Amino acid sequence: MYNVEKDTNKAHNLFAGDFPVVTATIVAGSNIKANEIVVYKNSEFVRADDTPGGRPYGIAATDAYAGEEVVVYLSGIFHKDAILLPDDMTLEKAIIGLRLVGIYLK
């Protein structure tokens, strides 16, 4: 007998305005999910997490495992509800950090 998986596809609209979107391809230093904030920490591009430090770099466009290439948005206007934040990061902290690198959350 076959097992049928049932998944839901929740559509999300990441982009929130007409602001130039710039991307870069980086090598992930940790597992990263699409729409997570990427920071530069200890000479690696990693997902923002509970450990302090790191400079905001961008927002991941796709999922990637450590060691894989991933496209990162370096600028643009994005819906705040579509961004995946670490448990200890407030939306206000994310808005301030990302704004410094040309990313705006609405």
PDB file of N, CA and C in Angstrom:
ATOM      1  N   MET A   1       0.842  -1.170   0.000  1.00  0.00           N
ATOM      2  CA  MET A   1       0.000   0.000   0.000  1.00  0.00           C
ATOM      3  C   MET A   1       0.892   1.240   0.000  1.00  0.00           C
ATOM      4  N   TYR A   2       0.433   2.277  -0.647  1.00  0.00           N
ATOM      5  CA  TYR A   2       1.186   3.522  -0.749  1.00  0.00           C
ATOM      6  C   TYR A   2       0.781   4.466   0.366  1.00  0.00           C
ATOM      7  N   ASN A   3       1.777   5.135   0.900  1.00  0.00           N
ATOM      8  CA  ASN A   3       1.514   6.206   1.857  1.00  0.00           C
ATOM      9  C   ASN A   3       1.542   7.513   1.087  1.00  0.00           C
ATOM     10  N   VAL A   4       0.523   8.297   1.256  1.00  0.00           N
ATOM     11  CA  VAL A   4       0.430   9.569   0.571  1.00  0.00           C
ATOM     12  C   VAL A   4       0.683  10.675   1.587  1.00  0.00           C
ATOM     13  N   GLU A   5       1.694  11.472   1.298  1.00  0.00           N
ATOM     14  CA  GLU A   5       1.976  12.596   2.176  1.00  0.00           C
ATOM     15  C   GLU A   5       1.086  13.757   1.788  1.00  0.00           C
ATOM     16  N   LYS A   6       0.609  14.431   2.794  1.00  0.00           N
ATOM     17  CA  LYS A   6      -0.210  15.620   2.552  1.00  0.00           C
ATOM     18  C   LYS A   6       0.524  16.817   3.126  1.00  0.00           C
ATOM     19  N   ASP A   7       0.920  17.712   2.263  1.00  0.00           N
ATOM     20  CA  ASP A   7       1.569  18.941   2.675  1.00  0.00           C
ATOM     21  C   ASP A   7       0.684  20.104   2.275  1.00  0.00           C
ATOM     22  N   THR A   8       0.851  21.170   3.001  1.00  0.00           N
ATOM     23  CA  THR A   8       0.162  22.377   2.608  1.00  0.00           C
ATOM     24  C   THR A   8       1.186  23.338   2.048  1.00  0.00           C
ATOM     25  N   ASN A   9       0.799  24.060   1.075  1.00  0.00           N
ATOM     26  CA  ASN A   9       1.678  25.039   0.459  1.00  0.00           C
ATOM     27  C   ASN A   9       1.161  26.412   0.837  1.00  0.00           C
ATOM     28  N   LYS A  10       1.822  27.005   1.806  1.00  0.00           N
ATOM     29  CA  LYS A  10       1.416  28.331   2.252  1.00  0.00           C
ATOM     30  C   LYS A  10       2.146  29.373   1.412  1.00  0.00           C
ATOM     31  N   ALA A  11       1.415  30.060   0.602  1.00  0.00           N
ATOM     32  CA  ALA A  11       2.017  31.088  -0.241  1.00  0.00           C
ATOM     33  C   ALA A  11       2.389  32.294   0.613  1.00  0.00           C
ATOM     34  N   HIS A  12       3.506  32.865   0.316  1.00  0.00           N
ATOM     35  CA  HIS A  12       3.898  34.087   1.003  1.00  0.00           C
ATOM     36  C   HIS A  12       4.472  35.046  -0.029  1.00  0.00           C
ATOM     37  N   ASN A  13       4.227  36.291   0.212  1.00  0.00           N
ATOM     38  CA  ASN A  13       4.743  37.311  -0.674  1.00  0.00           C
ATOM     39  C   ASN A  13       5.852  38.023   0.072  1.00  0.00           C
ATOM     40  N   LEU A  14       7.073  37.732  -0.277  1.00  0.00           N
ATOM     41  CA  LEU A  14       8.220  38.283   0.425  1.00  0.00           C
ATOM     42  C   LEU A  14       8.424  39.753   0.104  1.00  0.00           C
ATOM     43  N   PHE A  15       8.274  40.121  -1.148  1.00  0.00           N
ATOM     44  CA  PHE A  15       8.558  41.496  -1.556  1.00  0.00           C
ATOM     45  C   PHE A  15       7.400  42.426  -1.219  1.00  0.00           C
ATOM     46  N   ALA A  16       7.758  43.626  -0.720  1.00  0.00           N
ATOM     47  CA  ALA A  16       6.728  44.560  -0.267  1.00  0.00           C
ATOM     48  C   ALA A  16       6.807  45.921  -0.932  1.00  0.00           C
ATOM     49  N   GLY A  17       7.642  46.104  -1.930  1.00  0.00           N
ATOM     50  CA  GLY A  17       7.721  47.407  -2.563  1.00  0.00           C
ATOM     51  C   GLY A  17       8.661  47.420  -3.742  1.00  0.00           C
ATOM     52  N   ASP A  18       8.716  48.584  -4.372  1.00  0.00           N
ATOM     53  CA  ASP A  18       9.575  48.777  -5.538  1.00  0.00           C
ATOM     54  C   ASP A  18      10.870  49.453  -5.115  1.00  0.00           C
ATOM     55  N   PHE A  19      11.770  48.682  -4.606  1.00  0.00           N
ATOM     56  CA  PHE A  19      13.080  49.147  -4.192  1.00  0.00           C
ATOM     57  C   PHE A  19      14.068  48.213  -4.874  1.00  0.00           C
ATOM     58  N   PRO A  20      15.160  48.732  -5.374  1.00  0.00           N
ATOM     59  CA  PRO A  20      16.100  47.853  -6.080  1.00  0.00           C
ATOM     60  C   PRO A  20      16.505  46.640  -5.225  1.00  0.00           C
ATOM     61  N   VAL A  21      16.378  45.472  -5.807  1.00  0.00           N
ATOM     62  CA  VAL A  21      16.768  44.241  -5.125  1.00  0.00           C
ATOM     63  C   VAL A  21      18.113  43.800  -5.687  1.00  0.00           C
ATOM     64  N   VAL A  22      19.072  43.656  -4.797  1.00  0.00           N
ATOM     65  CA  VAL A  22      20.404  43.199  -5.166  1.00  0.00           C
ATOM     66  C   VAL A  22      20.616  41.853  -4.487  1.00  0.00           C
ATOM     67  N   THR A  23      21.198  40.907  -5.204  1.00  0.00           N
ATOM     68  CA  THR A  23      21.460  39.589  -4.627  1.00  0.00           C
ATOM     69  C   THR A  23      22.946  39.257  -4.729  1.00  0.00           C
ATOM     70  N   ALA A  24      23.338  38.284  -3.948  1.00  0.00           N
ATOM     71  CA  ALA A  24      24.692  37.734  -4.014  1.00  0.00           C
ATOM     72  C   ALA A  24      24.591  36.250  -3.734  1.00  0.00           C
ATOM     73  N   THR A  25      25.519  35.499  -4.258  1.00  0.00           N
ATOM     74  CA  THR A  25      25.591  34.070  -3.972  1.00  0.00           C
ATOM     75  C   THR A  25      26.743  33.854  -2.994  1.00  0.00           C
ATOM     76  N   ILE A  26      26.440  33.194  -1.877  1.00  0.00           N
ATOM     77  CA  ILE A  26      27.438  32.941  -0.842  1.00  0.00           C
ATOM     78  C   ILE A  26      27.468  31.447  -0.543  1.00  0.00           C
ATOM     79  N   VAL A  27      28.439  31.030   0.209  1.00  0.00           N
ATOM     80  CA  VAL A  27      28.494  29.659   0.708  1.00  0.00           C
ATOM     81  C   VAL A  27      28.006  29.683   2.149  1.00  0.00           C
ATOM     82  N   ALA A  28      26.979  28.909   2.434  1.00  0.00           N
ATOM     83  CA  ALA A  28      26.390  28.882   3.772  1.00  0.00           C
ATOM     84  C   ALA A  28      27.355  28.232   4.756  1.00  0.00           C
ATOM     85  N   GLY A  29      27.553  28.878   5.896  1.00  0.00           N
ATOM     86  CA  GLY A  29      28.386  28.315   6.943  1.00  0.00           C
ATOM     87  C   GLY A  29      27.595  27.491   7.935  1.00  0.00           C
ATOM     88  N   SER A  30      26.272  27.509   7.797  1.00  0.00           N
ATOM     89  CA  SER A  30      25.373  26.701   8.623  1.00  0.00           C
ATOM     90  C   SER A  30      24.135  26.407   7.791  1.00  0.00           C
ATOM     91  N   ASN A  31      23.275  25.539   8.273  1.00  0.00           N
ATOM     92  CA  ASN A  31      22.011  25.295   7.575  1.00  0.00           C
ATOM     93  C   ASN A  31      21.181  26.565   7.647  1.00  0.00           C
ATOM     94  N   ILE A  32      20.652  26.965   6.500  1.00  0.00           N
ATOM     95  CA  ILE A  32      19.886  28.202   6.404  1.00  0.00           C
ATOM     96  C   ILE A  32      18.571  27.905   5.701  1.00  0.00           C
ATOM     97  N   LYS A  33      17.498  28.498   6.217  1.00  0.00           N
ATOM     98  CA  LYS A  33      16.186  28.359   5.578  1.00  0.00           C
ATOM     99  C   LYS A  33      15.873  29.624   4.789  1.00  0.00           C
ATOM    100  N   ALA A  34      15.056  29.460   3.759  1.00  0.00           N
ATOM    101  CA  ALA A  34      14.595  30.613   2.984  1.00  0.00           C
ATOM    102  C   ALA A  34      13.916  31.600   3.919  1.00  0.00           C
ATOM    103  N   ASN A  35      14.171  32.871   3.700  1.00  0.00           N
ATOM    104  CA  ASN A  35      13.588  33.986   4.441  1.00  0.00           C
ATOM    105  C   ASN A  35      14.199  34.186   5.824  1.00  0.00           C
ATOM    106  N   GLU A  36      15.279  33.475   6.132  1.00  0.00           N
ATOM    107  CA  GLU A  36      15.985  33.722   7.390  1.00  0.00           C
ATOM    108  C   GLU A  36      17.010  34.834   7.191  1.00  0.00           C
ATOM    109  N   ILE A  37      17.292  35.530   8.273  1.00  0.00           N
ATOM    110  CA  ILE A  37      18.316  36.565   8.246  1.00  0.00           C
ATOM    111  C   ILE A  37      19.680  35.887   8.274  1.00  0.00           C
ATOM    112  N   VAL A  38      20.554  36.327   7.378  1.00  0.00           N
ATOM    113  CA  VAL A  38      21.914  35.806   7.295  1.00  0.00           C
ATOM    114  C   VAL A  38      22.848  36.863   7.880  1.00  0.00           C
ATOM    115  N   VAL A  39      23.761  36.413   8.733  1.00  0.00           N
ATOM    116  CA  VAL A  39      24.742  37.314   9.324  1.00  0.00           C
ATOM    117  C   VAL A  39      26.146  36.828   8.985  1.00  0.00           C
ATOM    118  N   TYR A  40      27.092  37.746   9.063  1.00  0.00           N
ATOM    119  CA  TYR A  40      28.499  37.396   8.878  1.00  0.00           C
ATOM    120  C   TYR A  40      29.113  37.347  10.264  1.00  0.00           C
ATOM    121  N   LYS A  41      29.541  36.137  10.662  1.00  0.00           N
ATOM    122  CA  LYS A  41      30.055  35.941  12.008  1.00  0.00           C
ATOM    123  C   LYS A  41      31.198  34.931  11.961  1.00  0.00           C
ATOM    124  N   ASN A  42      32.302  35.255  12.627  1.00  0.00           N
ATOM    125  CA  ASN A  42      33.460  34.361  12.676  1.00  0.00           C
ATOM    126  C   ASN A  42      33.909  33.917  11.282  1.00  0.00           C
ATOM    127  N   SER A  43      33.954  34.863  10.354  1.00  0.00           N
ATOM    128  CA  SER A  43      34.406  34.628   8.980  1.00  0.00           C
ATOM    129  C   SER A  43      33.511  33.680   8.192  1.00  0.00           C
ATOM    130  N   GLU A  44      32.244  33.558   8.597  1.00  0.00           N
ATOM    131  CA  GLU A  44      31.287  32.704   7.876  1.00  0.00           C
ATOM    132  C   GLU A  44      29.951  33.421   7.739  1.00  0.00           C
ATOM    133  N   PHE A  45      29.208  33.018   6.704  1.00  0.00           N
ATOM    134  CA  PHE A  45      27.833  33.478   6.535  1.00  0.00           C
ATOM    135  C   PHE A  45      26.930  32.426   7.167  1.00  0.00           C
ATOM    136  N   VAL A  46      26.247  32.787   8.239  1.00  0.00           N
ATOM    137  CA  VAL A  46      25.407  31.850   8.980  1.00  0.00           C
ATOM    138  C   VAL A  46      24.049  32.481   9.247  1.00  0.00           C
ATOM    139  N   ARG A  47      23.097  31.636   9.643  1.00  0.00           N
ATOM    140  CA  ARG A  47      21.776  32.160   9.985  1.00  0.00           C
ATOM    141  C   ARG A  47      21.864  32.916  11.298  1.00  0.00           C
ATOM    142  N   ALA A  48      21.071  33.957  11.426  1.00  0.00           N
ATOM    143  CA  ALA A  48      20.989  34.664  12.708  1.00  0.00           C
ATOM    144  C   ALA A  48      20.380  33.691  13.709  1.00  0.00           C
ATOM    145  N   ASP A  49      20.976  33.590  14.869  1.00  0.00           N
ATOM    146  CA  ASP A  49      20.472  32.657  15.871  1.00  0.00           C
ATOM    147  C   ASP A  49      20.625  33.244  17.264  1.00  0.00           C
ATOM    148  N   ASP A  50      20.603  32.379  18.255  1.00  0.00           N
ATOM    149  CA  ASP A  50      20.619  32.829  19.634  1.00  0.00           C
ATOM    150  C   ASP A  50      21.991  33.304  20.120  1.00  0.00           C
ATOM    151  N   THR A  51      23.054  32.990  19.409  1.00  0.00           N
ATOM    152  CA  THR A  51      24.372  33.403  19.862  1.00  0.00           C
ATOM    153  C   THR A  51      24.612  34.855  19.475  1.00  0.00           C
ATOM    154  N   PRO A  52      25.204  35.612  20.367  1.00  0.00           N
ATOM    155  CA  PRO A  52      25.417  37.031  20.073  1.00  0.00           C
ATOM    156  C   PRO A  52      26.493  37.237  19.015  1.00  0.00           C
ATOM    157  N   GLY A  53      26.473  38.401  18.443  1.00  0.00           N
ATOM    158  CA  GLY A  53      27.496  38.762  17.472  1.00  0.00           C
ATOM    159  C   GLY A  53      27.032  38.568  16.048  1.00  0.00           C
ATOM    160  N   GLY A  54      27.878  38.996  15.156  1.00  0.00           N
ATOM    161  CA  GLY A  54      27.551  38.881  13.740  1.00  0.00           C
ATOM    162  C   GLY A  54      26.978  40.169  13.205  1.00  0.00           C
ATOM    163  N   ARG A  55      27.303  40.447  11.963  1.00  0.00           N
ATOM    164  CA  ARG A  55      26.770  41.628  11.294  1.00  0.00           C
ATOM    165  C   ARG A  55      25.707  41.191  10.315  1.00  0.00           C
ATOM    166  N   PRO A  56      24.559  41.855  10.293  1.00  0.00           N
ATOM    167  CA  PRO A  56      23.527  41.506   9.313  1.00  0.00           C
ATOM    168  C   PRO A  56      24.104  41.603   7.900  1.00  0.00           C
ATOM    169  N   TYR A  57      23.761  40.604   7.080  1.00  0.00           N
ATOM    170  CA  TYR A  57      24.257  40.580   5.711  1.00  0.00           C
ATOM    171  C   TYR A  57      23.118  40.608   4.708  1.00  0.00           C
ATOM    172  N   GLY A  58      22.045  39.854   4.968  1.00  0.00           N
ATOM    173  CA  GLY A  58      20.933  39.814   4.030  1.00  0.00           C
ATOM    174  C   GLY A  58      19.880  38.817   4.464  1.00  0.00           C
ATOM    175  N   ILE A  59      19.022  38.460   3.515  1.00  0.00           N
ATOM    176  CA  ILE A  59      17.935  37.510   3.750  1.00  0.00           C
ATOM    177  C   ILE A  59      18.073  36.382   2.732  1.00  0.00           C
ATOM    178  N   ALA A  60      18.076  35.155   3.220  1.00  0.00           N
ATOM    179  CA  ALA A  60      18.236  33.995   2.340  1.00  0.00           C
ATOM    180  C   ALA A  60      17.048  33.863   1.395  1.00  0.00           C
ATOM    181  N   ALA A  61      17.334  33.616   0.124  1.00  0.00           N
ATOM    182  CA  ALA A  61      16.278  33.441  -0.874  1.00  0.00           C
ATOM    183  C   ALA A  61      15.782  32.002  -0.919  1.00  0.00           C
ATOM    184  N   THR A  62      16.651  31.047  -0.565  1.00  0.00           N
ATOM    185  CA  THR A  62      16.291  29.630  -0.619  1.00  0.00           C
ATOM    186  C   THR A  62      16.898  28.911   0.581  1.00  0.00           C
ATOM    187  N   ASP A  63      16.507  27.655   0.767  1.00  0.00           N
ATOM    188  CA  ASP A  63      17.118  26.808   1.788  1.00  0.00           C
ATOM    189  C   ASP A  63      18.499  26.367   1.315  1.00  0.00           C
ATOM    190  N   ALA A  64      19.401  26.141   2.274  1.00  0.00           N
ATOM    191  CA  ALA A  64      20.721  25.608   1.943  1.00  0.00           C
ATOM    192  C   ALA A  64      21.302  24.908   3.164  1.00  0.00           C
ATOM    193  N   TYR A  65      22.026  23.843   2.901  1.00  0.00           N
ATOM    194  CA  TYR A  65      22.780  23.175   3.960  1.00  0.00           C
ATOM    195  C   TYR A  65      24.156  23.828   4.059  1.00  0.00           C
ATOM    196  N   ALA A  66      24.800  23.659   5.197  1.00  0.00           N
ATOM    197  CA  ALA A  66      26.156  24.178   5.380  1.00  0.00           C
ATOM    198  C   ALA A  66      27.052  23.668   4.252  1.00  0.00           C
ATOM    199  N   GLY A  67      27.819  24.578   3.668  1.00  0.00           N
ATOM    200  CA  GLY A  67      28.716  24.218   2.575  1.00  0.00           C
ATOM    201  C   GLY A  67      28.116  24.397   1.190  1.00  0.00           C
ATOM    202  N   GLU A  68      26.811  24.603   1.108  1.00  0.00           N
ATOM    203  CA  GLU A  68      26.148  24.810  -0.188  1.00  0.00           C
ATOM    204  C   GLU A  68      26.074  26.298  -0.520  1.00  0.00           C
ATOM    205  N   GLU A  69      25.946  26.583  -1.796  1.00  0.00           N
ATOM    206  CA  GLU A  69      25.729  27.961  -2.219  1.00  0.00           C
ATOM    207  C   GLU A  69      24.273  28.342  -1.996  1.00  0.00           C
ATOM    208  N   VAL A  70      24.059  29.592  -1.648  1.00  0.00           N
ATOM    209  CA  VAL A  70      22.702  30.106  -1.438  1.00  0.00           C
ATOM    210  C   VAL A  70      22.669  31.558  -1.915  1.00  0.00           C
ATOM    211  N   VAL A  71      21.574  31.938  -2.545  1.00  0.00           N
ATOM    212  CA  VAL A  71      21.374  33.322  -2.963  1.00  0.00           C
ATOM    213  C   VAL A  71      20.814  34.093  -1.771  1.00  0.00           C
ATOM    214  N   VAL A  72      21.364  35.287  -1.563  1.00  0.00           N
ATOM    215  CA  VAL A  72      20.951  36.140  -0.452  1.00  0.00           C
ATOM    216  C   VAL A  72      20.531  37.498  -1.011  1.00  0.00           C
ATOM    217  N   TYR A  73      19.397  38.000  -0.527  1.00  0.00           N
ATOM    218  CA  TYR A  73      18.964  39.359  -0.887  1.00  0.00           C
ATOM    219  C   TYR A  73      19.770  40.349  -0.057  1.00  0.00           C
ATOM    220  N   LEU A  74      20.426  41.287  -0.718  1.00  0.00           N
ATOM    221  CA  LEU A  74      21.243  42.283  -0.032  1.00  0.00           C
ATOM    222  C   LEU A  74      20.531  43.614   0.129  1.00  0.00           C
ATOM    223  N   SER A  75      19.462  43.827  -0.616  1.00  0.00           N
ATOM    224  CA  SER A  75      18.690  45.059  -0.493  1.00  0.00           C
ATOM    225  C   SER A  75      17.269  44.801  -0.972  1.00  0.00           C
ATOM    226  N   GLY A  76      16.367  45.662  -0.545  1.00  0.00           N
ATOM    227  CA  GLY A  76      14.976  45.552  -0.964  1.00  0.00           C
ATOM    228  C   GLY A  76      14.019  45.869   0.159  1.00  0.00           C
ATOM    229  N   ILE A  77      12.741  45.853  -0.174  1.00  0.00           N
ATOM    230  CA  ILE A  77      11.666  46.057   0.807  1.00  0.00           C
ATOM    231  C   ILE A  77      10.901  44.747   0.896  1.00  0.00           C
ATOM    232  N   PHE A  78      10.777  44.220   2.108  1.00  0.00           N
ATOM    233  CA  PHE A  78      10.191  42.911   2.320  1.00  0.00           C
ATOM    234  C   PHE A  78       9.085  42.972   3.372  1.00  0.00           C
ATOM    235  N   HIS A  79       8.128  42.053   3.266  1.00  0.00           N
ATOM    236  CA  HIS A  79       7.072  41.951   4.270  1.00  0.00           C
ATOM    237  C   HIS A  79       7.660  41.393   5.558  1.00  0.00           C
ATOM    238  N   LYS A  80       7.433  42.097   6.644  1.00  0.00           N
ATOM    239  CA  LYS A  80       7.990  41.674   7.930  1.00  0.00           C
ATOM    240  C   LYS A  80       7.446  40.317   8.374  1.00  0.00           C
ATOM    241  N   ASP A  81       6.223  40.001   8.003  1.00  0.00           N
ATOM    242  CA  ASP A  81       5.618  38.735   8.406  1.00  0.00           C
ATOM    243  C   ASP A  81       6.216  37.533   7.679  1.00  0.00           C
ATOM    244  N   ALA A  82       6.926  37.782   6.593  1.00  0.00           N
ATOM    245  CA  ALA A  82       7.509  36.681   5.821  1.00  0.00           C
ATOM    246  C   ALA A  82       8.920  36.324   6.286  1.00  0.00           C
ATOM    247  N   ILE A  83       9.516  37.157   7.135  1.00  0.00           N
ATOM    248  CA  ILE A  83      10.885  36.931   7.594  1.00  0.00           C
ATOM    249  C   ILE A  83      10.877  35.990   8.787  1.00  0.00           C
ATOM    250  N   LEU A  84      11.756  34.987   8.750  1.00  0.00           N
ATOM    251  CA  LEU A  84      11.882  34.042   9.861  1.00  0.00           C
ATOM    252  C   LEU A  84      12.910  34.582  10.852  1.00  0.00           C
ATOM    253  N   LEU A  85      12.453  34.871  12.066  1.00  0.00           N
ATOM    254  CA  LEU A  85      13.334  35.431  13.092  1.00  0.00           C
ATOM    255  C   LEU A  85      13.723  34.367  14.108  1.00  0.00           C
ATOM    256  N   PRO A  86      14.937  34.469  14.660  1.00  0.00           N
ATOM    257  CA  PRO A  86      15.298  33.583  15.759  1.00  0.00           C
ATOM    258  C   PRO A  86      14.387  33.854  16.955  1.00  0.00           C
ATOM    259  N   ASP A  87      14.272  32.886  17.844  1.00  0.00           N
ATOM    260  CA  ASP A  87      13.370  33.022  18.991  1.00  0.00           C
ATOM    261  C   ASP A  87      13.654  34.249  19.841  1.00  0.00           C
ATOM    262  N   ASP A  88      14.915  34.596  20.012  1.00  0.00           N
ATOM    263  CA  ASP A  88      15.250  35.703  20.912  1.00  0.00           C
ATOM    264  C   ASP A  88      15.337  37.059  20.206  1.00  0.00           C
ATOM    265  N   MET A  89      15.083  37.119  18.907  1.00  0.00           N
ATOM    266  CA  MET A  89      15.184  38.388  18.180  1.00  0.00           C
ATOM    267  C   MET A  89      13.809  39.018  18.017  1.00  0.00           C
ATOM    268  N   THR A  90      13.699  40.257  18.435  1.00  0.00           N
ATOM    269  CA  THR A  90      12.443  40.977  18.244  1.00  0.00           C
ATOM    270  C   THR A  90      12.396  41.531  16.826  1.00  0.00           C
ATOM    271  N   LEU A  91      11.206  41.800  16.362  1.00  0.00           N
ATOM    272  CA  LEU A  91      11.035  42.385  15.031  1.00  0.00           C
ATOM    273  C   LEU A  91      11.726  43.748  14.975  1.00  0.00           C
ATOM    274  N   GLU A  92      11.621  44.514  16.047  1.00  0.00           N
ATOM    275  CA  GLU A  92      12.240  45.840  16.083  1.00  0.00           C
ATOM    276  C   GLU A  92      13.756  45.741  15.916  1.00  0.00           C
ATOM    277  N   LYS A  93      14.380  44.775  16.575  1.00  0.00           N
ATOM    278  CA  LYS A  93      15.825  44.581  16.455  1.00  0.00           C
ATOM    279  C   LYS A  93      16.193  44.192  15.023  1.00  0.00           C
ATOM    280  N   ALA A  94      15.383  43.346  14.408  1.00  0.00           N
ATOM    281  CA  ALA A  94      15.631  42.941  13.020  1.00  0.00           C
ATOM    282  C   ALA A  94      15.497  44.130  12.076  1.00  0.00           C
ATOM    283  N   ILE A  95      14.490  44.941  12.278  1.00  0.00           N
ATOM    284  CA  ILE A  95      14.267  46.105  11.420  1.00  0.00           C
ATOM    285  C   ILE A  95      15.468  47.033  11.466  1.00  0.00           C
ATOM    286  N   ILE A  96      15.971  47.298  12.672  1.00  0.00           N
ATOM    287  CA  ILE A  96      17.111  48.207  12.823  1.00  0.00           C
ATOM    288  C   ILE A  96      18.368  47.616  12.189  1.00  0.00           C
ATOM    289  N   GLY A  97      18.668  46.353  12.481  1.00  0.00           N
ATOM    290  CA  GLY A  97      19.871  45.728  11.939  1.00  0.00           C
ATOM    291  C   GLY A  97      19.855  45.631  10.425  1.00  0.00           C
ATOM    292  N   LEU A  98      18.717  45.242   9.860  1.00  0.00           N
ATOM    293  CA  LEU A  98      18.631  45.089   8.406  1.00  0.00           C
ATOM    294  C   LEU A  98      18.616  46.422   7.687  1.00  0.00           C
ATOM    295  N   ARG A  99      18.065  47.430   8.322  1.00  0.00           N
ATOM    296  CA  ARG A  99      18.011  48.742   7.694  1.00  0.00           C
ATOM    297  C   ARG A  99      19.418  49.291   7.438  1.00  0.00           C
ATOM    298  N   LEU A 100      20.351  48.928   8.305  1.00  0.00           N
ATOM    299  CA  LEU A 100      21.733  49.388   8.147  1.00  0.00           C
ATOM    300  C   LEU A 100      22.393  48.832   6.894  1.00  0.00           C
ATOM    301  N   VAL A 101      21.851  47.733   6.342  1.00  0.00           N
ATOM    302  CA  VAL A 101      22.442  47.146   5.140  1.00  0.00           C
ATOM    303  C   VAL A 101      21.537  47.293   3.913  1.00  0.00           C
ATOM    304  N   GLY A 102      20.544  48.184   3.998  1.00  0.00           N
ATOM    305  CA  GLY A 102      19.713  48.464   2.817  1.00  0.00           C
ATOM    306  C   GLY A 102      18.504  47.565   2.657  1.00  0.00           C
ATOM    307  N   ILE A 103      18.108  46.881   3.747  1.00  0.00           N
ATOM    308  CA  ILE A 103      16.914  46.035   3.704  1.00  0.00           C
ATOM    309  C   ILE A 103      15.871  46.660   4.619  1.00  0.00           C
ATOM    310  N   TYR A 104      14.679  46.838   4.071  1.00  0.00           N
ATOM    311  CA  TYR A 104      13.592  47.477   4.811  1.00  0.00           C
ATOM    312  C   TYR A 104      12.449  46.478   4.972  1.00  0.00           C
ATOM    313  N   LEU A 105      11.893  46.413   6.192  1.00  0.00           N
ATOM    314  CA  LEU A 105      10.763  45.541   6.478  1.00  0.00           C
ATOM    315  C   LEU A 105       9.526  46.392   6.705  1.00  0.00           C
ATOM    316  N   LYS A 106       8.432  46.010   6.029  1.00  0.00           N
ATOM    317  CA  LYS A 106       7.150  46.734   6.179  1.00  0.00           C
ATOM    318  C   LYS A 106       6.140  45.815   6.813  1.00  0.00           C
TER     319      LYS A 106
END
